[in-house]
Amino acid sequence: MTAYRPIDCELHDYLEIACLYGYRLNVELVNGQCFQATALTTQTLENEGEFIYFDNQRVCRLDQLSAITPQGSHALFGRIALTQ
C-alpha cells in the first residue's frame, strides 16, 4: 500500500460523527469497491495511518475512502466525498 496521506480535519469530523451516532453507511473506496456497514470507531496507528472500523469486521485506511453516505433520514450530513 502507498504511503499514508492524511485526510482534511473537517472530513475526519464527519467520520467521527458517523462513529459517535453509529451511522449505517454506504462506503465507497478509491479502488471502486462499495459496501454497507455501521461505523464503530477510528484509530491512529503510528507509522501506518488512520483507520476506521466497521461492524462487519472491515477496517479501512482513511485515505482509501472515496465517499461515505449515511443511510436513513436522521443523519446530520449527506454524502461526503473524501477524495477528489
N, C-alpha and C. Protein backbone atom coordinates (compact mmCIF):
# COMPACT_ATOMS: atom_id res chain seq x y z
N MET A 1 0.85 -1.18 0.00
CA MET A 1 0.00 0.00 0.00
C MET A 1 0.89 1.24 0.00
N THR A 2 0.38 2.30 -0.57
CA THR A 2 1.15 3.54 -0.67
C THR A 2 1.27 4.22 0.70
N ALA A 3 2.18 5.21 0.75
CA ALA A 3 2.36 5.98 1.98
C ALA A 3 1.05 6.68 2.34
N TYR A 4 0.77 6.76 3.62
CA TYR A 4 -0.47 7.36 4.10
C TYR A 4 -0.52 8.85 3.84
N ARG A 5 -1.66 9.32 3.33
CA ARG A 5 -1.91 10.74 3.11
C ARG A 5 -3.08 11.14 4.01
N PRO A 6 -2.83 11.92 5.05
CA PRO A 6 -3.91 12.29 5.98
C PRO A 6 -5.05 13.01 5.24
N ILE A 7 -6.27 12.77 5.70
CA ILE A 7 -7.41 13.49 5.14
C ILE A 7 -7.59 14.79 5.90
N ASP A 8 -8.32 15.73 5.32
CA ASP A 8 -8.57 17.02 5.97
C ASP A 8 -9.29 16.81 7.30
N CYS A 9 -8.97 17.64 8.27
CA CYS A 9 -9.59 17.56 9.60
C CYS A 9 -11.11 17.67 9.52
N GLU A 10 -11.60 18.56 8.67
CA GLU A 10 -13.05 18.73 8.51
C GLU A 10 -13.71 17.42 8.07
N LEU A 11 -13.08 16.70 7.16
CA LEU A 11 -13.62 15.43 6.69
C LEU A 11 -13.54 14.37 7.78
N HIS A 12 -12.48 14.41 8.56
CA HIS A 12 -12.33 13.47 9.67
C HIS A 12 -13.47 13.64 10.66
N ASP A 13 -13.92 14.87 10.85
CA ASP A 13 -15.03 15.14 11.77
C ASP A 13 -16.29 14.38 11.36
N TYR A 14 -16.57 14.27 10.07
CA TYR A 14 -17.74 13.52 9.61
C TYR A 14 -17.63 12.04 9.98
N LEU A 15 -16.43 11.50 9.87
CA LEU A 15 -16.23 10.10 10.25
C LEU A 15 -16.45 9.92 11.75
N GLU A 16 -15.98 10.87 12.54
CA GLU A 16 -16.19 10.80 13.99
C GLU A 16 -17.67 10.88 14.34
N ILE A 17 -18.42 11.75 13.65
CA ILE A 17 -19.86 11.84 13.87
C ILE A 17 -20.53 10.52 13.52
N ALA A 18 -20.13 9.92 12.40
CA ALA A 18 -20.69 8.64 11.98
C ALA A 18 -20.45 7.57 13.04
N CYS A 19 -19.27 7.56 13.64
CA CYS A 19 -18.95 6.59 14.68
C CYS A 19 -19.73 6.89 15.96
N LEU A 20 -19.77 8.16 16.35
CA LEU A 20 -20.45 8.57 17.58
C LEU A 20 -21.92 8.16 17.57
N TYR A 21 -22.58 8.35 16.43
CA TYR A 21 -24.01 8.05 16.32
C TYR A 21 -24.28 6.66 15.74
N GLY A 22 -23.23 5.91 15.42
CA GLY A 22 -23.39 4.56 14.89
C GLY A 22 -24.14 4.52 13.57
N TYR A 23 -23.80 5.45 12.68
CA TYR A 23 -24.48 5.51 11.39
C TYR A 23 -24.18 4.28 10.54
N ARG A 24 -25.21 3.81 9.90
CA ARG A 24 -25.05 2.81 8.85
C ARG A 24 -24.67 3.60 7.60
N LEU A 25 -23.58 3.21 6.95
CA LEU A 25 -23.03 3.98 5.82
C LEU A 25 -22.98 3.16 4.55
N ASN A 26 -23.17 3.84 3.43
CA ASN A 26 -22.74 3.33 2.13
C ASN A 26 -21.30 3.83 2.00
N VAL A 27 -20.36 2.93 1.86
CA VAL A 27 -18.94 3.27 1.82
C VAL A 27 -18.41 3.02 0.41
N GLU A 28 -17.76 4.03 -0.16
CA GLU A 28 -17.14 3.90 -1.48
C GLU A 28 -15.62 4.02 -1.29
N LEU A 29 -14.89 3.09 -1.85
CA LEU A 29 -13.43 3.10 -1.75
C LEU A 29 -12.81 3.64 -3.03
N VAL A 30 -11.57 4.12 -2.93
CA VAL A 30 -10.90 4.67 -4.11
C VAL A 30 -10.67 3.63 -5.20
N ASN A 31 -10.65 2.35 -4.84
CA ASN A 31 -10.45 1.29 -5.83
C ASN A 31 -11.75 0.88 -6.52
N GLY A 32 -12.87 1.58 -6.19
CA GLY A 32 -14.14 1.30 -6.83
C GLY A 32 -15.06 0.37 -6.07
N GLN A 33 -14.55 -0.30 -5.05
CA GLN A 33 -15.40 -1.18 -4.25
C GLN A 33 -16.36 -0.37 -3.41
N CYS A 34 -17.53 -0.96 -3.15
CA CYS A 34 -18.54 -0.33 -2.30
C CYS A 34 -19.08 -1.39 -1.34
N PHE A 35 -19.48 -0.93 -0.16
CA PHE A 35 -20.13 -1.83 0.79
C PHE A 35 -20.95 -1.00 1.77
N GLN A 36 -21.79 -1.67 2.53
CA GLN A 36 -22.57 -1.04 3.58
C GLN A 36 -22.13 -1.59 4.92
N ALA A 37 -22.00 -0.70 5.90
CA ALA A 37 -21.58 -1.12 7.23
C ALA A 37 -21.86 -0.01 8.22
N THR A 38 -21.86 -0.37 9.50
CA THR A 38 -22.03 0.61 10.56
C THR A 38 -20.66 1.04 11.07
N ALA A 39 -20.45 2.35 11.14
CA ALA A 39 -19.18 2.90 11.63
C ALA A 39 -19.08 2.69 13.13
N LEU A 40 -17.93 2.22 13.60
CA LEU A 40 -17.73 1.96 15.03
C LEU A 40 -16.76 2.93 15.68
N THR A 41 -15.56 3.02 15.13
CA THR A 41 -14.53 3.87 15.74
C THR A 41 -13.42 4.13 14.73
N THR A 42 -12.61 5.15 15.04
CA THR A 42 -11.40 5.40 14.26
C THR A 42 -10.21 5.20 15.18
N GLN A 43 -9.07 4.95 14.56
CA GLN A 43 -7.84 4.73 15.33
C GLN A 43 -6.64 5.18 14.50
N THR A 44 -5.68 5.79 15.18
CA THR A 44 -4.42 6.16 14.54
C THR A 44 -3.36 5.15 14.98
N LEU A 45 -2.69 4.56 14.01
CA LEU A 45 -1.60 3.62 14.28
C LEU A 45 -0.30 4.25 13.83
N GLU A 46 0.63 4.36 14.74
CA GLU A 46 1.91 5.01 14.46
C GLU A 46 2.58 4.38 13.25
N ASN A 47 3.05 5.22 12.34
CA ASN A 47 3.74 4.83 11.11
C ASN A 47 2.87 4.04 10.13
N GLU A 48 1.55 3.98 10.37
CA GLU A 48 0.66 3.26 9.46
C GLU A 48 -0.47 4.13 8.95
N GLY A 49 -0.94 5.08 9.75
CA GLY A 49 -2.01 5.96 9.33
C GLY A 49 -3.22 5.88 10.23
N GLU A 50 -4.33 6.44 9.73
CA GLU A 50 -5.59 6.46 10.46
C GLU A 50 -6.55 5.47 9.81
N PHE A 51 -7.35 4.81 10.64
CA PHE A 51 -8.23 3.75 10.17
C PHE A 51 -9.61 3.92 10.75
N ILE A 52 -10.61 3.41 10.03
CA ILE A 52 -11.98 3.34 10.54
C ILE A 52 -12.38 1.87 10.61
N TYR A 53 -13.07 1.53 11.69
CA TYR A 53 -13.52 0.16 11.92
C TYR A 53 -15.03 0.10 11.76
N PHE A 54 -15.50 -0.99 11.15
CA PHE A 54 -16.91 -1.18 10.89
C PHE A 54 -17.42 -2.44 11.56
N ASP A 55 -18.74 -2.54 11.70
CA ASP A 55 -19.35 -3.68 12.39
C ASP A 55 -19.19 -5.00 11.64
N ASN A 56 -18.92 -4.97 10.36
CA ASN A 56 -18.76 -6.19 9.58
C ASN A 56 -17.30 -6.68 9.59
N GLN A 57 -16.53 -6.21 10.55
CA GLN A 57 -15.12 -6.56 10.75
C GLN A 57 -14.20 -6.02 9.66
N ARG A 58 -14.69 -5.08 8.88
CA ARG A 58 -13.83 -4.41 7.90
C ARG A 58 -13.11 -3.27 8.57
N VAL A 59 -11.90 -3.03 8.13
CA VAL A 59 -11.08 -1.92 8.59
C VAL A 59 -10.55 -1.25 7.33
N CYS A 60 -10.69 0.07 7.25
CA CYS A 60 -10.23 0.81 6.07
C CYS A 60 -9.33 1.95 6.49
N ARG A 61 -8.22 2.10 5.79
CA ARG A 61 -7.38 3.26 6.00
C ARG A 61 -8.12 4.47 5.43
N LEU A 62 -8.12 5.58 6.16
CA LEU A 62 -8.95 6.72 5.78
C LEU A 62 -8.66 7.26 4.40
N ASP A 63 -7.41 7.23 3.96
CA ASP A 63 -7.10 7.76 2.63
C ASP A 63 -7.52 6.81 1.51
N GLN A 64 -8.10 5.66 1.86
CA GLN A 64 -8.62 4.73 0.87
C GLN A 64 -10.13 4.88 0.69
N LEU A 65 -10.74 5.77 1.50
CA LEU A 65 -12.16 6.05 1.38
C LEU A 65 -12.37 7.11 0.30
N SER A 66 -13.30 6.87 -0.59
CA SER A 66 -13.65 7.84 -1.61
C SER A 66 -14.83 8.69 -1.15
N ALA A 67 -15.84 8.04 -0.56
CA ALA A 67 -17.02 8.76 -0.08
C ALA A 67 -17.77 7.91 0.92
N ILE A 68 -18.55 8.60 1.77
CA ILE A 68 -19.46 7.92 2.69
C ILE A 68 -20.82 8.59 2.57
N THR A 69 -21.87 7.80 2.68
CA THR A 69 -23.24 8.32 2.66
C THR A 69 -24.02 7.63 3.76
N PRO A 70 -24.50 8.39 4.75
CA PRO A 70 -25.31 7.77 5.79
C PRO A 70 -26.65 7.31 5.25
N GLN A 71 -27.12 6.18 5.74
CA GLN A 71 -28.44 5.68 5.39
C GLN A 71 -29.43 6.21 6.42
N GLY A 72 -30.61 6.52 6.01
CA GLY A 72 -31.64 6.99 6.94
C GLY A 72 -31.72 8.50 6.97
N SER A 73 -32.89 8.98 7.32
CA SER A 73 -33.15 10.41 7.30
C SER A 73 -32.69 11.14 8.55
N HIS A 74 -32.26 10.42 9.57
CA HIS A 74 -31.86 11.03 10.83
C HIS A 74 -30.44 11.60 10.82
N ALA A 75 -29.67 11.32 9.79
CA ALA A 75 -28.26 11.70 9.74
C ALA A 75 -28.07 13.22 9.73
N LEU A 76 -26.99 13.66 10.33
CA LEU A 76 -26.66 15.07 10.41
C LEU A 76 -25.95 15.59 9.16
N PHE A 77 -25.64 14.69 8.22
CA PHE A 77 -24.99 15.08 6.97
C PHE A 77 -25.39 14.11 5.88
N GLY A 78 -25.14 14.51 4.63
CA GLY A 78 -25.42 13.66 3.48
C GLY A 78 -24.14 13.03 2.97
N ARG A 79 -24.09 12.77 1.68
CA ARG A 79 -22.90 12.15 1.08
C ARG A 79 -21.70 13.09 1.24
N ILE A 80 -20.59 12.53 1.70
CA ILE A 80 -19.36 13.26 1.88
C ILE A 80 -18.28 12.63 1.01
N ALA A 81 -17.75 13.40 0.05
CA ALA A 81 -16.63 12.93 -0.79
C ALA A 81 -15.34 13.19 -0.02
N LEU A 82 -14.57 12.15 0.19
CA LEU A 82 -13.33 12.25 0.96
C LEU A 82 -12.11 12.40 0.07
N THR A 83 -12.25 12.14 -1.21
CA THR A 83 -11.17 12.33 -2.18
C THR A 83 -11.73 13.08 -3.38
N GLN A 84 -10.82 13.73 -4.13
CA GLN A 84 -11.26 14.43 -5.34
C GLN A 84 -11.27 13.50 -6.50
